[in-house]
Amino acid sequence: MAAALRAAKRLRLVVGVPGLDFTRSAFVAKKNIYDQPNWFGVGLAFSTTAALWALLFKQHNEDVMEYERRKAEREHKCTGCS
């Protein structure tokens, strides 16, 4: 039985988990250097966060102005406008 299974594996007739010889562990792929931080990545992360917050505040202010405009338009009761 074991010989037949080995022969089938050699011929790739048995479908299953790939062998460990074809996988690579993430822990041995690259060692982290903690003495030298990736300042480009840090700056990119902080600048992206700041840009997203700026866009959020800008969009919020535009939404508030649009809300106030529509609110004033609803309260306007002039008969000569339309």
PDB file of N, CA and C in Angstrom:
ATOM      1  N   MET A   1       0.827  -1.199   0.000  1.00  0.00           N
ATOM      2  CA  MET A   1       0.000   0.000   0.000  1.00  0.00           C
ATOM      3  C   MET A   1       0.861   1.249   0.000  1.00  0.00           C
ATOM      4  N   ALA A   2       1.894   1.265   0.840  1.00  0.00           N
ATOM      5  CA  ALA A   2       2.755   2.431   0.931  1.00  0.00           C
ATOM      6  C   ALA A   2       3.527   2.641  -0.365  1.00  0.00           C
ATOM      7  N   ALA A   3       3.914   1.558  -0.999  1.00  0.00           N
ATOM      8  CA  ALA A   3       4.646   1.677  -2.258  1.00  0.00           C
ATOM      9  C   ALA A   3       3.751   2.260  -3.344  1.00  0.00           C
ATOM     10  N   ALA A   4       2.483   1.869  -3.359  1.00  0.00           N
ATOM     11  CA  ALA A   4       1.558   2.394  -4.357  1.00  0.00           C
ATOM     12  C   ALA A   4       1.305   3.883  -4.135  1.00  0.00           C
ATOM     13  N   LEU A   5       1.215   4.290  -2.868  1.00  0.00           N
ATOM     14  CA  LEU A   5       1.003   5.693  -2.552  1.00  0.00           C
ATOM     15  C   LEU A   5       2.225   6.529  -2.951  1.00  0.00           C
ATOM     16  N   ARG A   6       3.420   6.021  -2.692  1.00  0.00           N
ATOM     17  CA  ARG A   6       4.638   6.735  -3.101  1.00  0.00           C
ATOM     18  C   ARG A   6       4.708   6.864  -4.612  1.00  0.00           C
ATOM     19  N   ALA A   7       4.332   5.844  -5.315  1.00  0.00           N
ATOM     20  CA  ALA A   7       4.356   5.882  -6.780  1.00  0.00           C
ATOM     21  C   ALA A   7       3.330   6.878  -7.301  1.00  0.00           C
ATOM     22  N   ALA A   8       2.151   6.921  -6.679  1.00  0.00           N
ATOM     23  CA  ALA A   8       1.117   7.870  -7.092  1.00  0.00           C
ATOM     24  C   ALA A   8       1.563   9.303  -6.820  1.00  0.00           C
ATOM     25  N   LYS A   9       2.231   9.522  -5.689  1.00  0.00           N
ATOM     26  CA  LYS A   9       2.717  10.864  -5.384  1.00  0.00           C
ATOM     27  C   LYS A   9       3.788  11.300  -6.378  1.00  0.00           C
ATOM     28  N   ARG A  10       4.627  10.366  -6.763  1.00  0.00           N
ATOM     29  CA  ARG A  10       5.658  10.701  -7.738  1.00  0.00           C
ATOM     30  C   ARG A  10       5.040  11.095  -9.070  1.00  0.00           C
ATOM     31  N   LEU A  11       3.981  10.455  -9.434  1.00  0.00           N
ATOM     32  CA  LEU A  11       3.311  10.741 -10.693  1.00  0.00           C
ATOM     33  C   LEU A  11       2.285  11.865 -10.547  1.00  0.00           C
ATOM     34  N   ARG A  12       2.131  12.386  -9.352  1.00  0.00           N
ATOM     35  CA  ARG A  12       1.191  13.481  -9.033  1.00  0.00           C
ATOM     36  C   ARG A  12      -0.250  13.083  -9.323  1.00  0.00           C
ATOM     37  N   LEU A  13      -0.550  11.835  -9.063  1.00  0.00           N
ATOM     38  CA  LEU A  13      -1.915  11.373  -9.244  1.00  0.00           C
ATOM     39  C   LEU A  13      -2.772  11.684  -8.025  1.00  0.00           C
ATOM     40  N   VAL A  14      -2.137  11.814  -6.869  1.00  0.00           N
ATOM     41  CA  VAL A  14      -2.859  12.116  -5.636  1.00  0.00           C
ATOM     42  C   VAL A  14      -2.818  13.627  -5.451  1.00  0.00           C
ATOM     43  N   VAL A  15      -3.995  14.241  -5.449  1.00  0.00           N
ATOM     44  CA  VAL A  15      -4.096  15.686  -5.281  1.00  0.00           C
ATOM     45  C   VAL A  15      -4.203  15.958  -3.790  1.00  0.00           C
ATOM     46  N   GLY A  16      -3.397  16.870  -3.325  1.00  0.00           N
ATOM     47  CA  GLY A  16      -3.434  17.194  -1.909  1.00  0.00           C
ATOM     48  C   GLY A  16      -2.630  18.442  -1.643  1.00  0.00           C
ATOM     49  N   VAL A  17      -2.204  18.590  -0.430  1.00  0.00           N
ATOM     50  CA  VAL A  17      -1.416  19.743  -0.020  1.00  0.00           C
ATOM     51  C   VAL A  17      -0.051  19.663  -0.697  1.00  0.00           C
ATOM     52  N   PRO A  18       0.431  20.766  -1.235  1.00  0.00           N
ATOM     53  CA  PRO A  18       1.749  20.701  -1.867  1.00  0.00           C
ATOM     54  C   PRO A  18       2.812  20.311  -0.855  1.00  0.00           C
ATOM     55  N   GLY A  19       3.824  19.674  -1.354  1.00  0.00           N
ATOM     56  CA  GLY A  19       4.885  19.220  -0.475  1.00  0.00           C
ATOM     57  C   GLY A  19       5.608  20.379   0.186  1.00  0.00           C
ATOM     58  N   LEU A  20       6.209  20.116   1.296  1.00  0.00           N
ATOM     59  CA  LEU A  20       6.900  21.160   2.037  1.00  0.00           C
ATOM     60  C   LEU A  20       8.132  21.660   1.302  1.00  0.00           C
ATOM     61  N   ASP A  21       8.629  20.887   0.347  1.00  0.00           N
ATOM     62  CA  ASP A  21       9.796  21.329  -0.393  1.00  0.00           C
ATOM     63  C   ASP A  21       9.476  22.485  -1.333  1.00  0.00           C
ATOM     64  N   PHE A  22       8.178  22.732  -1.618  1.00  0.00           N
ATOM     65  CA  PHE A  22       7.802  23.823  -2.496  1.00  0.00           C
ATOM     66  C   PHE A  22       7.336  25.062  -1.741  1.00  0.00           C
ATOM     67  N   THR A  23       7.262  25.002  -0.435  1.00  0.00           N
ATOM     68  CA  THR A  23       6.804  26.145   0.353  1.00  0.00           C
ATOM     69  C   THR A  23       7.998  26.841   0.984  1.00  0.00           C
ATOM     70  N   ARG A  24       7.784  28.099   1.345  1.00  0.00           N
ATOM     71  CA  ARG A  24       8.846  28.889   1.950  1.00  0.00           C
ATOM     72  C   ARG A  24       8.270  29.607   3.152  1.00  0.00           C
ATOM     73  N   SER A  25       8.910  29.495   4.250  1.00  0.00           N
ATOM     74  CA  SER A  25       8.412  30.115   5.469  1.00  0.00           C
ATOM     75  C   SER A  25       8.667  31.612   5.445  1.00  0.00           C
ATOM     76  N   ALA A  26       7.692  32.374   5.908  1.00  0.00           N
ATOM     77  CA  ALA A  26       7.846  33.834   5.952  1.00  0.00           C
ATOM     78  C   ALA A  26       8.862  34.235   7.004  1.00  0.00           C
ATOM     79  N   PHE A  27       9.106  33.386   7.963  1.00  0.00           N
ATOM     80  CA  PHE A  27      10.016  33.733   9.048  1.00  0.00           C
ATOM     81  C   PHE A  27      11.471  33.662   8.621  1.00  0.00           C
ATOM     82  N   VAL A  28      11.766  32.924   7.573  1.00  0.00           N
ATOM     83  CA  VAL A  28      13.151  32.839   7.123  1.00  0.00           C
ATOM     84  C   VAL A  28      13.359  33.594   5.817  1.00  0.00           C
ATOM     85  N   ALA A  29      12.295  34.201   5.286  1.00  0.00           N
ATOM     86  CA  ALA A  29      12.429  34.901   4.013  1.00  0.00           C
ATOM     87  C   ALA A  29      13.294  36.145   4.162  1.00  0.00           C
ATOM     88  N   LYS A  30      13.090  36.912   5.231  1.00  0.00           N
ATOM     89  CA  LYS A  30      13.859  38.142   5.434  1.00  0.00           C
ATOM     90  C   LYS A  30      13.832  38.498   6.912  1.00  0.00           C
ATOM     91  N   LYS A  31      14.956  38.810   7.444  1.00  0.00           N
ATOM     92  CA  LYS A  31      15.016  39.218   8.848  1.00  0.00           C
ATOM     93  C   LYS A  31      14.752  40.705   8.949  1.00  0.00           C
ATOM     94  N   ASN A  32      13.973  41.101   9.953  1.00  0.00           N
ATOM     95  CA  ASN A  32      13.701  42.513  10.180  1.00  0.00           C
ATOM     96  C   ASN A  32      14.887  43.172  10.866  1.00  0.00           C
ATOM     97  N   ILE A  33      15.183  44.382  10.445  1.00  0.00           N
ATOM     98  CA  ILE A  33      16.250  45.167  11.061  1.00  0.00           C
ATOM     99  C   ILE A  33      15.567  46.248  11.884  1.00  0.00           C
ATOM    100  N   TYR A  34      15.563  46.084  13.199  1.00  0.00           N
ATOM    101  CA  TYR A  34      14.861  47.022  14.063  1.00  0.00           C
ATOM    102  C   TYR A  34      15.717  48.235  14.404  1.00  0.00           C
ATOM    103  N   ASP A  35      17.022  48.176  14.147  1.00  0.00           N
ATOM    104  CA  ASP A  35      17.895  49.323  14.412  1.00  0.00           C
ATOM    105  C   ASP A  35      17.726  50.416  13.371  1.00  0.00           C
ATOM    106  N   GLN A  36      17.272  50.069  12.178  1.00  0.00           N
ATOM    107  CA  GLN A  36      17.101  51.029  11.086  1.00  0.00           C
ATOM    108  C   GLN A  36      15.662  50.959  10.586  1.00  0.00           C
ATOM    109  N   PRO A  37      14.777  51.790  11.142  1.00  0.00           N
ATOM    110  CA  PRO A  37      13.383  51.743  10.688  1.00  0.00           C
ATOM    111  C   PRO A  37      13.257  52.185   9.233  1.00  0.00           C
ATOM    112  N   ASN A  38      12.209  51.759   8.614  1.00  0.00           N
ATOM    113  CA  ASN A  38      11.919  52.120   7.237  1.00  0.00           C
ATOM    114  C   ASN A  38      11.244  53.492   7.248  1.00  0.00           C
ATOM    115  N   TRP A  39      12.032  54.552   7.216  1.00  0.00           N
ATOM    116  CA  TRP A  39      11.487  55.905   7.354  1.00  0.00           C
ATOM    117  C   TRP A  39      10.624  56.298   6.160  1.00  0.00           C
ATOM    118  N   PHE A  40      10.926  55.756   5.010  1.00  0.00           N
ATOM    119  CA  PHE A  40      10.077  56.032   3.844  1.00  0.00           C
ATOM    120  C   PHE A  40       8.672  55.473   4.069  1.00  0.00           C
ATOM    121  N   GLY A  41       8.592  54.257   4.552  1.00  0.00           N
ATOM    122  CA  GLY A  41       7.300  53.647   4.829  1.00  0.00           C
ATOM    123  C   GLY A  41       6.547  54.368   5.940  1.00  0.00           C
ATOM    124  N   VAL A  42       7.272  54.787   6.974  1.00  0.00           N
ATOM    125  CA  VAL A  42       6.654  55.523   8.079  1.00  0.00           C
ATOM    126  C   VAL A  42       6.102  56.853   7.573  1.00  0.00           C
ATOM    127  N   GLY A  43       6.893  57.572   6.802  1.00  0.00           N
ATOM    128  CA  GLY A  43       6.449  58.856   6.259  1.00  0.00           C
ATOM    129  C   GLY A  43       5.282  58.697   5.315  1.00  0.00           C
ATOM    130  N   LEU A  44       5.323  57.652   4.507  1.00  0.00           N
ATOM    131  CA  LEU A  44       4.229  57.389   3.578  1.00  0.00           C
ATOM    132  C   LEU A  44       2.932  57.078   4.333  1.00  0.00           C
ATOM    133  N   ALA A  45       3.043  56.314   5.400  1.00  0.00           N
ATOM    134  CA  ALA A  45       1.849  55.976   6.186  1.00  0.00           C
ATOM    135  C   ALA A  45       1.262  57.221   6.848  1.00  0.00           C
ATOM    136  N   PHE A  46       2.114  58.037   7.471  1.00  0.00           N
ATOM    137  CA  PHE A  46       1.610  59.241   8.140  1.00  0.00           C
ATOM    138  C   PHE A  46       1.079  60.273   7.155  1.00  0.00           C
ATOM    139  N   SER A  47       1.747  60.440   6.024  1.00  0.00           N
ATOM    140  CA  SER A  47       1.265  61.425   5.051  1.00  0.00           C
ATOM    141  C   SER A  47      -0.051  60.975   4.421  1.00  0.00           C
ATOM    142  N   THR A  48      -0.194  59.678   4.187  1.00  0.00           N
ATOM    143  CA  THR A  48      -1.456  59.169   3.657  1.00  0.00           C
ATOM    144  C   THR A  48      -2.581  59.382   4.665  1.00  0.00           C
ATOM    145  N   THR A  49      -2.295  59.133   5.932  1.00  0.00           N
ATOM    146  CA  THR A  49      -3.298  59.341   6.973  1.00  0.00           C
ATOM    147  C   THR A  49      -3.693  60.807   7.055  1.00  0.00           C
ATOM    148  N   ALA A  50      -2.708  61.704   7.013  1.00  0.00           N
ATOM    149  CA  ALA A  50      -3.002  63.137   7.075  1.00  0.00           C
ATOM    150  C   ALA A  50      -3.818  63.581   5.865  1.00  0.00           C
ATOM    151  N   ALA A  51      -3.489  63.084   4.692  1.00  0.00           N
ATOM    152  CA  ALA A  51      -4.235  63.447   3.484  1.00  0.00           C
ATOM    153  C   ALA A  51      -5.676  62.956   3.557  1.00  0.00           C
ATOM    154  N   LEU A  52      -5.871  61.751   4.049  1.00  0.00           N
ATOM    155  CA  LEU A  52      -7.231  61.227   4.173  1.00  0.00           C
ATOM    156  C   LEU A  52      -8.050  62.015   5.187  1.00  0.00           C
ATOM    157  N   TRP A  53      -7.430  62.418   6.303  1.00  0.00           N
ATOM    158  CA  TRP A  53      -8.139  63.240   7.289  1.00  0.00           C
ATOM    159  C   TRP A  53      -8.483  64.602   6.700  1.00  0.00           C
ATOM    160  N   ALA A  54      -7.565  65.189   5.924  1.00  0.00           N
ATOM    161  CA  ALA A  54      -7.834  66.488   5.297  1.00  0.00           C
ATOM    162  C   ALA A  54      -9.012  66.382   4.327  1.00  0.00           C
ATOM    163  N   LEU A  55      -9.033  65.318   3.528  1.00  0.00           N
ATOM    164  CA  LEU A  55     -10.155  65.113   2.611  1.00  0.00           C
ATOM    165  C   LEU A  55     -11.456  64.887   3.375  1.00  0.00           C
ATOM    166  N   LEU A  56     -11.378  64.190   4.503  1.00  0.00           N
ATOM    167  CA  LEU A  56     -12.567  63.953   5.314  1.00  0.00           C
ATOM    168  C   LEU A  56     -13.132  65.261   5.855  1.00  0.00           C
ATOM    169  N   PHE A  57     -12.276  66.140   6.400  1.00  0.00           N
ATOM    170  CA  PHE A  57     -12.734  67.421   6.918  1.00  0.00           C
ATOM    171  C   PHE A  57     -13.279  68.309   5.803  1.00  0.00           C
ATOM    172  N   LYS A  58     -12.618  68.300   4.658  1.00  0.00           N
ATOM    173  CA  LYS A  58     -13.082  69.100   3.522  1.00  0.00           C
ATOM    174  C   LYS A  58     -14.468  68.641   3.072  1.00  0.00           C
ATOM    175  N   GLN A  59     -14.644  67.334   2.937  1.00  0.00           N
ATOM    176  CA  GLN A  59     -15.928  66.792   2.521  1.00  0.00           C
ATOM    177  C   GLN A  59     -16.998  67.088   3.564  1.00  0.00           C
ATOM    178  N   HIS A  60     -16.653  67.007   4.829  1.00  0.00           N
ATOM    179  CA  HIS A  60     -17.613  67.302   5.893  1.00  0.00           C
ATOM    180  C   HIS A  60     -18.066  68.761   5.822  1.00  0.00           C
ATOM    181  N   ASN A  61     -17.118  69.675   5.629  1.00  0.00           N
ATOM    182  CA  ASN A  61     -17.475  71.088   5.534  1.00  0.00           C
ATOM    183  C   ASN A  61     -18.377  71.355   4.327  1.00  0.00           C
ATOM    184  N   GLU A  62     -18.085  70.719   3.209  1.00  0.00           N
ATOM    185  CA  GLU A  62     -18.942  70.880   2.026  1.00  0.00           C
ATOM    186  C   GLU A  62     -20.334  70.322   2.281  1.00  0.00           C
ATOM    187  N   ASP A  63     -20.420  69.195   2.980  1.00  0.00           N
ATOM    188  CA  ASP A  63     -21.723  68.605   3.288  1.00  0.00           C
ATOM    189  C   ASP A  63     -22.522  69.498   4.227  1.00  0.00           C
ATOM    190  N   VAL A  64     -21.858  70.101   5.214  1.00  0.00           N
ATOM    191  CA  VAL A  64     -22.546  71.001   6.143  1.00  0.00           C
ATOM    192  C   VAL A  64     -23.044  72.239   5.405  1.00  0.00           C
ATOM    193  N   MET A  65     -22.232  72.792   4.514  1.00  0.00           N
ATOM    194  CA  MET A  65     -22.668  73.965   3.747  1.00  0.00           C
ATOM    195  C   MET A  65     -23.863  73.618   2.855  1.00  0.00           C
ATOM    196  N   GLU A  66     -23.841  72.453   2.217  1.00  0.00           N
ATOM    197  CA  GLU A  66     -24.963  72.031   1.383  1.00  0.00           C
ATOM    198  C   GLU A  66     -26.218  71.824   2.228  1.00  0.00           C
ATOM    199  N   TYR A  67     -26.066  71.268   3.417  1.00  0.00           N
ATOM    200  CA  TYR A  67     -27.195  71.076   4.322  1.00  0.00           C
ATOM    201  C   TYR A  67     -27.792  72.419   4.726  1.00  0.00           C
ATOM    202  N   GLU A  68     -26.934  73.374   5.079  1.00  0.00           N
ATOM    203  CA  GLU A  68     -27.422  74.702   5.472  1.00  0.00           C
ATOM    204  C   GLU A  68     -28.117  75.394   4.298  1.00  0.00           C
ATOM    205  N   ARG A  69     -27.585  75.245   3.089  1.00  0.00           N
ATOM    206  CA  ARG A  69     -28.198  75.859   1.917  1.00  0.00           C
ATOM    207  C   ARG A  69     -29.584  75.280   1.657  1.00  0.00           C
ATOM    208  N   ARG A  70     -29.708  73.958   1.729  1.00  0.00           N
ATOM    209  CA  ARG A  70     -31.009  73.330   1.497  1.00  0.00           C
ATOM    210  C   ARG A  70     -31.996  73.655   2.614  1.00  0.00           C
ATOM    211  N   LYS A  71     -31.481  73.765   3.833  1.00  0.00           N
ATOM    212  CA  LYS A  71     -32.343  74.119   4.967  1.00  0.00           C
ATOM    213  C   LYS A  71     -32.899  75.528   4.788  1.00  0.00           C
ATOM    214  N   ALA A  72     -32.041  76.471   4.374  1.00  0.00           N
ATOM    215  CA  ALA A  72     -32.491  77.838   4.151  1.00  0.00           C
ATOM    216  C   ALA A  72     -33.457  77.899   2.969  1.00  0.00           C
ATOM    217  N   GLU A  73     -33.217  77.087   1.956  1.00  0.00           N
ATOM    218  CA  GLU A  73     -34.095  77.046   0.788  1.00  0.00           C
ATOM    219  C   GLU A  73     -35.484  76.524   1.165  1.00  0.00           C
ATOM    220  N   ARG A  74     -35.522  75.544   2.057  1.00  0.00           N
ATOM    221  CA  ARG A  74     -36.810  74.998   2.518  1.00  0.00           C
ATOM    222  C   ARG A  74     -37.604  76.017   3.323  1.00  0.00           C
ATOM    223  N   GLU A  75     -36.905  76.830   4.112  1.00  0.00           N
ATOM    224  CA  GLU A  75     -37.573  77.801   4.991  1.00  0.00           C
ATOM    225  C   GLU A  75     -37.969  79.072   4.256  1.00  0.00           C
ATOM    226  N   HIS A  76     -37.479  79.231   3.053  1.00  0.00           N
ATOM    227  CA  HIS A  76     -37.770  80.437   2.276  1.00  0.00           C
ATOM    228  C   HIS A  76     -39.218  80.372   1.763  1.00  0.00           C
ATOM    229  N   LYS A  77     -40.043  81.352   2.153  1.00  0.00           N
ATOM    230  CA  LYS A  77     -41.478  81.335   1.810  1.00  0.00           C
ATOM    231  C   LYS A  77     -41.870  82.494   0.898  1.00  0.00           C
ATOM    232  N   CYS A  78     -40.986  82.933   0.043  1.00  0.00           N
ATOM    233  CA  CYS A  78     -41.279  84.061  -0.832  1.00  0.00           C
ATOM    234  C   CYS A  78     -42.173  83.591  -1.987  1.00  0.00           C
ATOM    235  N   THR A  79     -43.213  84.348  -2.298  1.00  0.00           N
ATOM    236  CA  THR A  79     -44.112  83.964  -3.387  1.00  0.00           C
ATOM    237  C   THR A  79     -43.623  84.485  -4.730  1.00  0.00           C
ATOM    238  N   GLY A  80     -42.734  85.464  -4.744  1.00  0.00           N
ATOM    239  CA  GLY A  80     -42.271  86.032  -6.009  1.00  0.00           C
ATOM    240  C   GLY A  80     -41.097  85.281  -6.622  1.00  0.00           C
ATOM    241  N   CYS A  81     -40.507  84.315  -5.925  1.00  0.00           N
ATOM    242  CA  CYS A  81     -39.328  83.614  -6.443  1.00  0.00           C
ATOM    243  C   CYS A  81     -39.686  82.585  -7.503  1.00  0.00           C
ATOM    244  N   SER A  82     -40.788  81.884  -7.330  1.00  0.00           N
ATOM    245  CA  SER A  82     -41.068  80.818  -8.276  1.00  0.00           C
ATOM    246  C   SER A  82     -42.410  80.884  -8.906  1.00  0.00           C
TER     247      SER A  82
END
